[in-house]
């Protein structure tokens, strides 16, 4: 009898969904400038954006899909 290992099913965005702050702003200029995004990220624990952000080394990266979900949830 062989045990099969299955990868856990997570709602994990693809690796190309995660962008550093500068690239996120460059790809989505209609969402505001870098200072606006950095303010949102500084307050991510209080505004619900924390699930869209990860620290990789010294850099913060943002999930485009999770940010979009956060933004849409705030518009409802």
Protein backbone atom coordinates (compact mmCIF):
# COMPACT_ATOMS: atom_id res chain seq x y z
CA UNK A 1 0.00 0.00 0.00
CA UNK A 2 1.41 3.37 -1.03
CA UNK A 3 0.40 6.61 0.54
CA UNK A 4 -0.26 9.41 -1.88
CA UNK A 5 0.69 12.91 -0.97
CA UNK A 6 -1.51 15.61 -2.32
CA UNK A 7 -0.64 19.26 -2.28
CA UNK A 8 -2.88 21.19 0.07
CA UNK A 9 -5.57 23.16 -1.70
CA UNK A 10 -5.11 26.83 -0.89
CA UNK A 11 -6.42 29.98 -2.40
CA UNK A 12 -2.84 30.83 -3.31
CA UNK A 13 -2.24 33.31 -6.11
CA UNK A 14 0.22 32.33 -8.83
CA UNK A 15 3.77 33.54 -8.41
CA UNK A 16 3.41 36.06 -11.24
CA UNK A 17 0.48 37.60 -9.34
CA UNK A 18 2.87 38.98 -6.68
CA UNK A 19 4.55 42.28 -7.53
CA UNK A 20 6.91 44.62 -5.69
CA UNK A 21 5.39 48.00 -4.85
CA UNK A 22 7.09 49.88 -7.69
CA UNK A 23 5.98 47.40 -10.35
CA UNK A 24 2.45 47.25 -8.94
CA UNK A 25 2.13 51.04 -9.23
CA UNK A 26 3.62 51.01 -12.74
CA UNK A 27 1.11 48.37 -13.89
CA UNK A 28 -1.88 49.99 -12.19
CA UNK A 29 -1.42 53.78 -12.33
CA UNK A 30 -5.20 54.32 -12.17
CA UNK A 31 -5.19 53.05 -8.56
CA UNK A 32 -3.08 55.91 -7.27
CA UNK A 33 0.55 56.77 -6.85
CA UNK A 34 3.26 55.01 -4.84
CA UNK A 35 2.70 57.20 -1.76
CA UNK A 36 -0.99 56.25 -1.68
CA UNK A 37 -0.17 52.56 -1.93
CA UNK A 38 2.52 52.80 0.75
CA UNK A 39 0.00 54.50 3.07
CA UNK A 40 -2.47 51.66 2.44
CA UNK A 41 0.26 49.11 3.16
CA UNK A 42 1.36 50.84 6.37
CA UNK A 43 -2.21 50.51 7.64
CA UNK A 44 -2.85 47.03 6.18
CA UNK A 45 -3.62 45.41 9.53
CA UNK A 46 -6.44 47.85 10.17
CA UNK A 47 -7.84 48.19 6.66
CA UNK A 48 -7.99 44.48 5.75
CA UNK A 49 -5.24 44.58 3.13
CA UNK A 50 -2.86 42.34 5.12
CA UNK A 51 -3.92 39.18 3.26
CA UNK A 52 -2.75 40.72 -0.02
CA UNK A 53 0.77 41.55 1.19
CA UNK A 54 3.83 39.44 1.97
CA UNK A 55 7.35 40.36 2.98
CA UNK A 56 10.09 38.72 0.90
CA UNK A 57 13.41 39.62 2.43
CA UNK A 58 13.24 43.37 2.91
CA UNK A 59 10.66 43.93 0.18
CA UNK A 60 6.90 43.94 0.32
CA UNK A 61 5.11 42.22 -2.54
CA UNK A 62 1.42 42.62 -3.34
CA UNK A 63 -0.97 40.10 -4.82
CA UNK A 64 -2.80 41.77 -7.69
CA UNK A 65 -5.80 39.44 -7.39
CA UNK A 66 -6.13 39.83 -3.63
CA UNK A 67 -5.74 43.61 -3.88
CA UNK A 68 -8.51 43.64 -6.51
CA UNK A 69 -10.73 41.56 -4.21
CA UNK A 70 -9.97 43.94 -1.30
CA UNK A 71 -10.81 46.93 -3.47
CA UNK A 72 -14.05 45.36 -4.74
CA UNK A 73 -15.13 44.39 -1.20
CA UNK A 74 -14.67 47.99 -0.11
CA UNK A 75 -16.94 49.22 -2.90
CA UNK A 76 -19.88 47.07 -1.84
